[in-house]
């Protein structure tokens, strides 16, 4: 990211750079600021929120540079505006991992210790403790959120709502034309499309955001605010990594597409005063539902190496997902190993992917029969494909990653850096830059979650505390 911004190695090793990206020095003639926004949190209107600990330093080559955890802002309310090392490591590694996976995301420029001791209650259970403070300097074309528009609509401040929307179109959607009612609708359509694209990518790689509040939704369709996120370990449409969401599971993996739509409804409500007509907004939202089904089916075909569209593909996918969930199957390992499947030998399918099953010895005969039936149907379907095995394998390995930032991996890096050893952060960073490549020297990371991590805080259970 430093190269993208035009920094040299000499620049990033200088004291001046260090002072700026830790908030100890302000760039000459710059005016750092925090943004005010509102939001719906867990489906409820939360009113005014804002950058409680994010400070925008300015823009470099049309990239906005922001510090997360550098201290209080006007919107910190009763909080301290700081961030702890564990959550900062997670954001630093994950935002870069997502970028290299091909998922739209904010980026990370640097990770720094502050020297502060920060008081946090990790599980919100009354056991507060001091942790090391840290700052992530993160980068995006814009950090504008749905909530930036909601705040002005809620206040009935149509003047500033129009100023903000016009500014957003001018700087980030200028290809749509000069702001007017027609362009506002095109703007909403494009935000809808970008949101849909982002969530399809999440589903493709098994990523669960964990806190899809409207204040955590980027107007550019970027994955933003890495809090209690997680990757599916055992495939489970009902899984969420967020302890706060444990009861209702609003933000579970299988519900992310629906929540994306719900959040877009809130943005439509915020933009309505500029358009003053509900029907065209509703038409865009209805199109999202149709388009998501189409794009999701296309995405799943690509994961299975299918290039043709056949009418029974949806049934094949649905039966696969049913088997994956019933077997407690590691999604990443399963799809990566599936690229080795040969249609001439369907009976070898289960053996091929057995490393993806957490408890293969406990899979009962009926489920084994279901798996065998699925591999037989998959083999028949592959016989309808025009591409040879080698080409299909190559295509599948471009959409099914081998390496993702599993929570236990991030936790191991956090544990090490707590002892002033950052070597594992660097190792994971290098691995995650090439998630689709084999990297045989790192094969030990291509493995299921260890049993010790199944119920460990930070590996399976995460809160919003950071």
Protein backbone atom coordinates (compact mmCIF):
# COMPACT_ATOMS: atom_id res chain seq x y z
CA UNK A 1 0.00 0.00 0.00
CA UNK A 2 2.89 2.35 0.72
CA UNK A 3 4.08 1.92 -2.88
CA UNK A 4 0.56 2.65 -4.16
CA UNK A 5 0.63 5.92 -2.22
CA UNK A 6 4.05 6.84 -3.60
CA UNK A 7 6.13 6.36 -0.44
CA UNK A 8 9.71 5.14 -0.86
CA UNK A 9 11.44 2.72 1.50
CA UNK A 10 13.37 5.70 2.83
CA UNK A 11 10.10 7.53 3.52
CA UNK A 12 8.51 4.73 5.53
CA UNK A 13 11.64 4.21 7.62
CA UNK A 14 11.79 7.87 8.62
CA UNK A 15 10.83 9.32 12.00
CA UNK A 16 8.53 11.77 10.23
CA UNK A 17 6.49 8.93 8.70
CA UNK A 18 6.30 7.18 12.09
CA UNK A 19 5.13 10.35 13.80
CA UNK A 20 2.39 10.93 11.23
CA UNK A 21 0.97 7.39 11.12
CA UNK A 22 0.82 7.27 14.92
CA UNK A 23 -0.95 10.61 15.23
CA UNK A 24 1.93 12.35 16.97
CA UNK A 25 2.50 14.82 14.15
CA UNK A 26 0.14 16.56 11.75
CA UNK A 27 1.01 17.03 8.09
CA UNK A 28 1.73 20.67 7.39
CA UNK A 29 -1.32 22.69 6.24
CA UNK A 30 -3.62 19.71 6.78
CA UNK A 31 -6.89 19.60 8.73
CA UNK A 32 -7.55 16.15 10.21
CA UNK A 33 -11.21 15.41 10.89
CA UNK A 34 -13.65 12.82 12.16
CA UNK A 35 -16.97 12.15 10.40
CA UNK A 36 -20.44 12.34 11.89
CA UNK A 37 -22.89 9.63 10.91
CA UNK A 38 -25.86 7.67 12.23
CA UNK A 39 -26.82 4.04 11.92
CA UNK A 40 -29.13 1.12 12.43
CA UNK A 41 -27.42 -1.32 14.79
CA UNK A 42 -28.78 -4.88 14.95
CA UNK A 43 -31.92 -3.63 13.24
CA UNK A 44 -32.60 -0.75 15.63
CA UNK A 45 -32.13 2.96 15.03
CA UNK A 46 -29.15 4.08 17.10
CA UNK A 47 -29.24 7.77 16.22
CA UNK A 48 -26.07 9.82 15.90
CA UNK A 49 -22.84 7.88 15.97
CA UNK A 50 -19.65 8.90 14.17
CA UNK A 51 -15.96 8.21 14.03
CA UNK A 52 -15.42 7.55 17.71
CA UNK A 53 -11.77 6.63 17.18
CA UNK A 54 -11.07 7.14 13.48
CA UNK A 55 -9.29 10.30 12.38
CA UNK A 56 -8.96 11.21 8.70
CA UNK A 57 -5.56 12.76 8.05
CA UNK A 58 -6.25 13.78 4.44
CA UNK A 59 -5.90 12.40 0.94
CA UNK A 60 -2.86 11.17 -0.99
CA UNK A 61 -3.27 10.50 -4.71
CA UNK A 62 -7.06 10.29 -4.20
CA UNK A 63 -6.65 7.79 -1.36
CA UNK A 64 -8.02 8.81 2.05
CA UNK A 65 -5.65 8.05 4.92
CA UNK A 66 -7.20 7.36 8.32
CA UNK A 67 -5.89 6.47 11.77
CA UNK A 68 -7.93 4.01 13.83
CA UNK A 69 -7.24 4.13 17.55
CA UNK A 70 -5.36 7.44 17.77
CA UNK A 71 -7.50 8.93 20.53
CA UNK A 72 -10.82 10.67 21.19
CA UNK A 73 -12.80 12.55 18.55
CA UNK A 74 -15.91 14.73 18.89
CA UNK A 75 -17.94 11.52 18.45
CA UNK A 76 -16.19 9.31 21.01
CA UNK A 77 -19.02 9.87 23.50
CA UNK A 78 -17.84 8.26 26.76
CA UNK A 79 -15.14 6.12 25.07
CA UNK A 80 -11.40 6.77 24.93
CA UNK A 81 -10.96 6.66 21.14
CA UNK A 82 -8.20 4.07 21.44
CA UNK A 83 -7.80 0.57 20.01
CA UNK A 84 -6.09 -2.49 21.41
CA UNK A 85 -3.39 -4.59 19.80
CA UNK A 86 -5.47 -7.75 19.28
CA UNK A 87 -8.16 -6.02 17.21
CA UNK A 88 -5.59 -3.94 15.34
CA UNK A 89 -3.63 -7.06 14.33
CA UNK A 90 -6.87 -8.61 13.11
CA UNK A 91 -7.79 -5.57 11.00
CA UNK A 92 -4.27 -5.10 9.62
CA UNK A 93 -3.98 -8.71 8.47
CA UNK A 94 -7.56 -9.24 7.36
CA UNK A 95 -7.99 -6.11 5.25
CA UNK A 96 -4.86 -7.00 3.30
CA UNK A 97 -5.88 -10.67 3.07
CA UNK A 98 -9.26 -9.67 1.65
CA UNK A 99 -7.62 -7.43 -0.93
CA UNK A 100 -5.47 -10.28 -2.21
CA UNK A 101 -8.49 -12.59 -2.24
CA UNK A 102 -10.09 -10.15 -4.68
CA UNK A 103 -12.72 -8.92 -2.21
CA UNK A 104 -13.47 -5.16 -2.23
CA UNK A 105 -12.04 -3.77 1.02
CA UNK A 106 -10.36 -0.94 2.85
CA UNK A 107 -6.59 -1.39 3.01
CA UNK A 108 -3.97 -1.26 5.77
CA UNK A 109 -0.85 0.89 5.49
CA UNK A 110 0.72 0.24 8.89
CA UNK A 111 0.30 -1.22 12.35
CA UNK A 112 1.90 0.55 15.33
CA UNK A 113 2.09 0.10 19.06
CA UNK A 114 1.23 3.26 21.00
CA UNK A 115 2.78 2.45 24.37
CA UNK A 116 -0.61 3.02 26.03
CA UNK A 117 -2.34 0.55 28.31
CA UNK A 118 -6.00 0.40 27.28
CA UNK A 119 -8.78 -0.91 29.54
CA UNK A 120 -11.19 -3.29 27.81
CA UNK A 121 -13.81 -5.88 28.83
CA UNK A 122 -13.20 -8.49 26.13
CA UNK A 123 -16.36 -10.54 26.62
CA UNK A 124 -18.51 -7.84 28.26
CA UNK A 125 -18.74 -9.98 31.40
CA UNK A 126 -17.31 -7.56 33.97
CA UNK A 127 -13.72 -8.78 33.70
CA UNK A 128 -11.97 -5.66 32.42
CA UNK A 129 -8.21 -5.75 31.94
CA UNK A 130 -5.48 -3.57 30.51
CA UNK A 131 -4.18 -4.38 27.03
CA UNK A 132 -1.56 -2.92 24.73
CA UNK A 133 -2.79 -0.02 22.64
CA UNK A 134 -2.23 0.10 18.89
CA UNK A 135 -3.07 2.13 15.79
CA UNK A 136 -3.87 0.91 12.29
CA UNK A 137 -3.43 3.48 9.55
CA UNK A 138 -5.94 2.40 6.95
CA UNK A 139 -6.60 3.57 3.43
CA UNK A 140 -9.58 3.72 1.08
CA UNK A 141 -10.86 5.81 -1.79
CA UNK A 142 -13.51 6.94 0.69
CA UNK A 143 -14.66 6.05 4.19
CA UNK A 144 -18.21 7.33 3.57
CA UNK A 145 -20.90 5.01 4.95
CA UNK A 146 -24.64 4.57 4.59
CA UNK A 147 -24.88 6.23 7.99
CA UNK A 148 -23.38 9.49 6.69
CA UNK A 149 -26.53 9.92 4.59
CA UNK A 150 -28.88 8.63 7.28
CA UNK A 151 -27.85 11.32 9.80
CA UNK A 152 -28.92 14.21 7.55
CA UNK A 153 -32.17 12.50 6.54
CA UNK A 154 -32.99 11.83 10.20
CA UNK A 155 -32.40 15.50 11.02
CA UNK A 156 -34.45 16.54 7.99
CA UNK A 157 -31.35 18.50 6.96
CA UNK A 158 -32.00 18.30 3.23
CA UNK A 159 -29.47 21.02 2.43
CA UNK A 160 -26.53 19.02 3.78
CA UNK A 161 -27.98 15.75 2.50
CA UNK A 162 -27.84 17.20 -1.01
CA UNK A 163 -24.35 18.66 -0.48
CA UNK A 164 -23.03 15.28 0.69
CA UNK A 165 -24.71 13.31 -2.10
CA UNK A 166 -23.54 15.75 -4.78
CA UNK A 167 -20.01 15.63 -3.34
CA UNK A 168 -20.04 11.82 -3.37
CA UNK A 169 -21.20 11.69 -6.98
CA UNK A 170 -18.69 14.34 -8.09
CA UNK A 171 -15.70 12.60 -6.48
CA UNK A 172 -16.57 8.91 -6.68
CA UNK A 173 -19.32 8.46 -9.29
CA UNK A 174 -18.57 11.29 -11.73
CA UNK A 175 -19.18 8.99 -14.71
CA UNK A 176 -22.90 9.11 -13.87
CA UNK A 177 -23.15 12.80 -14.81
CA UNK A 178 -24.08 16.00 -13.04
CA UNK A 179 -26.25 15.53 -9.91
CA UNK A 180 -29.99 15.56 -10.57
CA UNK A 181 -32.92 13.27 -9.78
CA UNK A 182 -32.02 10.83 -12.57
CA UNK A 183 -28.37 10.71 -11.47
CA UNK A 184 -29.36 10.20 -7.82
CA UNK A 185 -31.21 7.07 -8.93
CA UNK A 186 -28.22 5.90 -10.97
CA UNK A 187 -26.06 6.54 -7.91
CA UNK A 188 -28.30 4.37 -5.73
CA UNK A 189 -28.33 1.65 -8.39
CA UNK A 190 -24.53 1.62 -8.49
CA UNK A 191 -24.21 1.50 -4.68
CA UNK A 192 -26.66 -1.41 -4.76
CA UNK A 193 -24.59 -3.20 -7.39
CA UNK A 194 -21.34 -2.67 -5.46
CA UNK A 195 -22.92 -3.90 -2.23
CA UNK A 196 -24.21 -7.01 -4.00
CA UNK A 197 -20.81 -7.71 -5.54
CA UNK A 198 -19.07 -7.39 -2.17
CA UNK A 199 -21.43 -9.80 -0.40
CA UNK A 200 -21.21 -12.38 -3.20
CA UNK A 201 -17.44 -12.30 -2.68
CA UNK A 202 -17.95 -12.77 1.08
CA UNK A 203 -20.08 -15.83 0.43
CA UNK A 204 -17.54 -17.18 -2.07
CA UNK A 205 -14.67 -17.22 0.41
CA UNK A 206 -16.75 -18.09 3.48
CA UNK A 207 -16.28 -14.74 5.21
CA UNK A 208 -18.70 -13.54 7.91
CA UNK A 209 -18.50 -9.83 8.73
CA UNK A 210 -20.25 -10.13 12.07
CA UNK A 211 -21.52 -6.53 12.42
CA UNK A 212 -23.42 -5.47 9.30
CA UNK A 213 -24.89 -2.35 10.87
CA UNK A 214 -25.66 0.48 8.42
CA UNK A 215 -22.81 2.53 9.91
CA UNK A 216 -20.47 -0.31 8.85
CA UNK A 217 -21.62 -0.30 5.22
CA UNK A 218 -19.35 1.47 2.73
CA UNK A 219 -20.92 3.63 0.05
CA UNK A 220 -18.26 2.20 -2.32
CA UNK A 221 -19.11 -1.41 -1.52
CA UNK A 222 -15.93 -1.99 0.47
CA UNK A 223 -15.56 -4.36 3.38
CA UNK A 224 -15.04 -1.96 6.26
CA UNK A 225 -14.61 -2.15 10.06
CA UNK A 226 -13.07 -5.52 10.85
CA UNK A 227 -14.46 -6.35 14.26
CA UNK A 228 -15.79 -9.79 15.27
CA UNK A 229 -15.41 -11.28 11.79
CA UNK A 230 -14.60 -14.88 11.00
CA UNK A 231 -14.25 -17.50 8.30
CA UNK A 232 -16.46 -20.55 8.27
CA UNK A 233 -14.57 -23.41 9.87
CA UNK A 234 -17.33 -25.99 9.76
CA UNK A 235 -19.73 -24.98 6.94
CA UNK A 236 -22.79 -23.57 8.69
CA UNK A 237 -25.30 -21.15 7.16
CA UNK A 238 -26.37 -20.18 10.69
CA UNK A 239 -22.93 -19.29 12.06
CA UNK A 240 -21.94 -15.87 13.34
CA UNK A 241 -18.65 -15.09 15.12
CA UNK A 242 -20.19 -12.22 17.11
CA UNK A 243 -21.07 -13.02 20.74
CA UNK A 244 -23.42 -10.01 20.83
CA UNK A 245 -25.39 -11.64 18.00
CA UNK A 246 -25.33 -15.13 19.50
CA UNK A 247 -29.02 -15.22 20.38
CA UNK A 248 -30.71 -13.83 17.26
CA UNK A 249 -27.91 -14.50 14.73
CA UNK A 250 -29.00 -11.56 12.62
CA UNK A 251 -25.62 -11.35 10.90
CA UNK A 252 -25.08 -15.08 10.33
CA UNK A 253 -23.35 -16.27 7.17
CA UNK A 254 -26.50 -17.33 5.32
CA UNK A 255 -28.31 -14.08 6.15
CA UNK A 256 -25.69 -11.65 4.84
CA UNK A 257 -27.38 -11.19 1.42
CA UNK A 258 -30.71 -10.37 3.13
CA UNK A 259 -29.07 -7.93 5.54
CA UNK A 260 -27.37 -6.23 2.60
CA UNK A 261 -30.82 -5.64 1.13
CA UNK A 262 -32.23 -4.43 4.47
CA UNK A 263 -29.41 -1.93 4.79
CA UNK A 264 -29.98 -0.72 1.22
CA UNK A 265 -33.63 -0.05 2.15
CA UNK A 266 -32.36 2.27 4.91
CA UNK A 267 -30.11 4.07 2.43
CA UNK A 268 -33.04 4.36 0.02
CA UNK A 269 -35.10 5.95 2.80
CA UNK A 270 -32.27 8.43 3.43
CA UNK A 271 -31.99 9.38 -0.27
CA UNK A 272 -35.75 9.53 -0.83
CA UNK A 273 -36.06 13.30 -0.07
CA UNK A 274 -33.77 14.02 -3.04
CA UNK A 275 -35.82 11.83 -5.38
CA UNK A 276 -39.33 12.24 -3.92
CA UNK A 277 -40.56 9.11 -5.64
CA UNK A 278 -40.61 5.65 -4.08
CA UNK A 279 -41.34 3.46 -7.12
CA UNK A 280 -37.94 3.72 -8.87
CA UNK A 281 -36.11 3.09 -5.59
CA UNK A 282 -38.28 0.04 -4.91
CA UNK A 283 -37.61 -1.24 -8.43
CA UNK A 284 -33.84 -1.09 -7.79
CA UNK A 285 -34.26 -2.94 -4.50
CA UNK A 286 -36.40 -5.63 -6.10
CA UNK A 287 -33.77 -6.01 -8.83
CA UNK A 288 -31.17 -6.63 -6.10
CA UNK A 289 -33.08 -9.73 -5.00
CA UNK A 290 -33.27 -11.11 -8.54
CA UNK A 291 -29.66 -10.21 -9.33
CA UNK A 292 -28.36 -11.74 -6.13
CA UNK A 293 -29.89 -15.11 -6.97
CA UNK A 294 -28.34 -14.93 -10.44
CA UNK A 295 -24.90 -13.81 -9.25
CA UNK A 296 -24.84 -16.27 -6.36
CA UNK A 297 -25.65 -19.15 -8.70
CA UNK A 298 -22.94 -17.97 -11.10
CA UNK A 299 -20.46 -17.77 -8.21
CA UNK A 300 -21.27 -21.29 -6.99
CA UNK A 301 -20.94 -22.67 -10.51
CA UNK A 302 -17.47 -21.16 -10.67
CA UNK A 303 -16.54 -22.80 -7.35
CA UNK A 304 -17.64 -26.14 -8.80
CA UNK A 305 -15.80 -25.59 -12.09
CA UNK A 306 -19.00 -25.39 -14.15
CA UNK A 307 -18.87 -23.13 -17.19
CA UNK A 308 -22.28 -23.95 -18.68
CA UNK A 309 -25.64 -23.08 -17.14
CA UNK A 310 -27.87 -26.12 -16.66
CA UNK A 311 -31.34 -26.15 -15.12
CA UNK A 312 -30.51 -28.68 -12.38
CA UNK A 313 -27.43 -26.81 -11.13
CA UNK A 314 -29.35 -25.18 -8.29
CA UNK A 315 -30.46 -28.59 -6.98
CA UNK A 316 -26.87 -29.82 -7.16
CA UNK A 317 -25.70 -26.82 -5.14
CA UNK A 318 -28.48 -27.07 -2.57
CA UNK A 319 -27.80 -30.75 -1.93
CA UNK A 320 -24.08 -30.00 -1.61
CA UNK A 321 -24.70 -27.29 1.01
CA UNK A 322 -26.99 -29.64 2.92
CA UNK A 323 -24.27 -32.31 3.01
CA UNK A 324 -21.55 -29.80 3.95
CA UNK A 325 -23.53 -28.61 6.94
CA UNK A 326 -24.62 -32.09 8.07
CA UNK A 327 -21.01 -33.33 8.02
CA UNK A 328 -19.29 -30.38 9.77
CA UNK A 329 -17.07 -29.77 6.78
CA UNK A 330 -14.30 -27.22 6.42
CA UNK A 331 -15.43 -25.07 3.49
CA UNK A 332 -11.99 -23.86 2.38
CA UNK A 333 -10.38 -27.31 2.34
CA UNK A 334 -13.39 -28.98 0.70
CA UNK A 335 -13.59 -26.68 -2.31
CA UNK A 336 -9.83 -26.53 -2.77
CA UNK A 337 -9.54 -30.33 -2.76
CA UNK A 338 -12.59 -30.64 -5.03
CA UNK A 339 -10.52 -29.25 -7.90
CA UNK A 340 -8.66 -32.62 -7.90
CA UNK A 341 -11.91 -34.54 -8.50
CA UNK A 342 -12.06 -36.58 -11.71
CA UNK A 343 -15.45 -37.31 -13.24
CA UNK A 344 -14.27 -40.79 -14.26
CA UNK A 345 -13.91 -41.82 -10.59
CA UNK A 346 -16.91 -40.55 -8.58
CA UNK A 347 -16.43 -43.31 -6.00
CA UNK A 348 -13.16 -41.64 -4.96
CA UNK A 349 -14.82 -38.34 -4.10
CA UNK A 350 -15.24 -38.87 -0.35
CA UNK A 351 -11.66 -40.10 0.04
CA UNK A 352 -10.43 -37.06 -1.87
CA UNK A 353 -12.02 -34.53 0.51
CA UNK A 354 -11.92 -36.49 3.78
CA UNK A 355 -9.41 -34.06 5.30
CA UNK A 356 -12.14 -31.43 5.17
CA UNK A 357 -14.38 -33.39 7.59
CA UNK A 358 -13.94 -32.60 11.26
CA UNK A 359 -15.23 -35.94 12.51
CA UNK A 360 -15.32 -38.34 9.59
CA UNK A 361 -15.63 -41.33 11.96
CA UNK A 362 -18.97 -39.96 13.19
CA UNK A 363 -20.52 -39.59 9.75
CA UNK A 364 -23.34 -42.15 9.69
CA UNK A 365 -24.12 -44.46 6.78
CA UNK A 366 -27.08 -42.44 5.50
CA UNK A 367 -24.93 -39.31 5.23
CA UNK A 368 -22.12 -41.24 3.53
CA UNK A 369 -24.70 -42.48 1.02
CA UNK A 370 -25.86 -38.90 0.48
CA UNK A 371 -22.28 -37.85 -0.20
CA UNK A 372 -21.74 -40.73 -2.61
CA UNK A 373 -24.93 -39.81 -4.41
CA UNK A 374 -23.80 -36.19 -4.67
CA UNK A 375 -20.40 -37.10 -6.12
CA UNK A 376 -22.15 -39.31 -8.67
CA UNK A 377 -24.44 -36.43 -9.71
CA UNK A 378 -21.46 -34.06 -9.82
CA UNK A 379 -19.54 -36.46 -12.06
CA UNK A 380 -22.52 -36.69 -14.45
CA UNK A 381 -22.74 -32.90 -14.53
CA UNK A 382 -19.03 -32.56 -15.30
CA UNK A 383 -19.46 -34.84 -18.29
CA UNK A 384 -21.62 -32.12 -19.84
CA UNK A 385 -18.75 -29.61 -19.58
CA UNK A 386 -16.58 -28.90 -22.65
CA UNK A 387 -13.34 -28.07 -20.80
CA UNK A 388 -10.70 -30.67 -19.87
CA UNK A 389 -9.75 -31.56 -16.29
CA UNK A 390 -6.60 -29.41 -16.20
CA UNK A 391 -8.43 -26.29 -17.30
CA UNK A 392 -11.28 -26.86 -14.86
CA UNK A 393 -8.79 -27.38 -12.03
CA UNK A 394 -7.02 -24.13 -12.90
CA UNK A 395 -10.30 -22.19 -12.99
CA UNK A 396 -11.47 -23.62 -9.67
CA UNK A 397 -8.18 -22.80 -7.94
CA UNK A 398 -8.56 -19.18 -8.99
CA UNK A 399 -11.84 -18.76 -7.08
CA UNK A 400 -11.35 -21.25 -4.22
CA UNK A 401 -8.52 -19.96 -1.99
CA UNK A 402 -6.13 -22.29 -0.26
CA UNK A 403 -5.21 -19.86 2.52
CA UNK A 404 -7.48 -17.52 4.48
CA UNK A 405 -7.00 -15.78 7.82
CA UNK A 406 -8.69 -18.26 10.12
CA UNK A 407 -9.38 -16.85 13.57
CA UNK A 408 -7.02 -19.25 15.31
CA UNK A 409 -4.19 -18.11 13.00
CA UNK A 410 -4.83 -14.47 13.88
CA UNK A 411 -4.96 -15.38 17.58
CA UNK A 412 -1.60 -17.16 17.41
CA UNK A 413 -0.09 -14.04 15.81
CA UNK A 414 -1.65 -11.88 18.54
CA UNK A 415 -0.28 -14.13 21.28
CA UNK A 416 3.21 -13.89 19.78
CA UNK A 417 3.19 -10.13 19.29
CA UNK A 418 2.06 -9.69 22.89
CA UNK A 419 5.56 -10.98 23.73
CA UNK A 420 7.11 -8.49 21.28
CA UNK A 421 7.58 -11.12 18.58
CA UNK A 422 6.03 -9.94 15.29
CA UNK A 423 7.46 -12.77 13.16
CA UNK A 424 4.15 -14.61 12.82
CA UNK A 425 2.35 -11.44 11.70
CA UNK A 426 4.92 -11.11 8.94
CA UNK A 427 4.68 -14.80 8.00
CA UNK A 428 0.89 -14.71 7.76
CA UNK A 429 1.04 -11.44 5.84
CA UNK A 430 3.29 -13.04 3.22
CA UNK A 431 1.12 -16.18 2.95
CA UNK A 432 -2.09 -14.17 2.58
CA UNK A 433 -0.66 -12.12 -0.28
CA UNK A 434 -0.87 -15.28 -2.43
CA UNK A 435 -4.01 -17.05 -1.19
CA UNK A 436 -4.66 -18.98 -4.42
CA UNK A 437 -1.11 -20.30 -4.84
CA UNK A 438 0.06 -23.64 -3.44
CA UNK A 439 2.99 -22.28 -1.37
CA UNK A 440 4.21 -25.75 -0.26
CA UNK A 441 6.48 -24.23 2.38
CA UNK A 442 3.33 -23.09 4.20
CA UNK A 443 1.30 -26.27 3.72
CA UNK A 444 0.89 -26.63 7.51
CA UNK A 445 -1.49 -23.64 7.43
CA UNK A 446 -3.76 -25.49 5.00
CA UNK A 447 -5.47 -27.31 7.82
CA UNK A 448 -8.70 -27.44 9.80
CA UNK A 449 -9.09 -25.41 12.98
CA UNK A 450 -7.32 -27.26 15.83
CA UNK A 451 -9.60 -28.74 18.48
CA UNK A 452 -8.11 -26.43 21.16
CA UNK A 453 -9.48 -23.47 19.22
CA UNK A 454 -13.06 -24.74 18.94
CA UNK A 455 -14.35 -22.78 21.95
CA UNK A 456 -11.39 -20.51 22.71
CA UNK A 457 -12.02 -16.77 23.03
CA UNK A 458 -10.58 -15.04 19.98
CA UNK A 459 -10.80 -18.20 17.87
CA UNK A 460 -14.50 -19.05 17.91
CA UNK A 461 -16.06 -16.31 20.03
CA UNK A 462 -15.44 -12.63 19.45
CA UNK A 463 -17.07 -9.49 20.74
CA UNK A 464 -17.20 -5.92 19.50
CA UNK A 465 -14.77 -4.94 22.28
CA UNK A 466 -11.59 -3.52 20.78
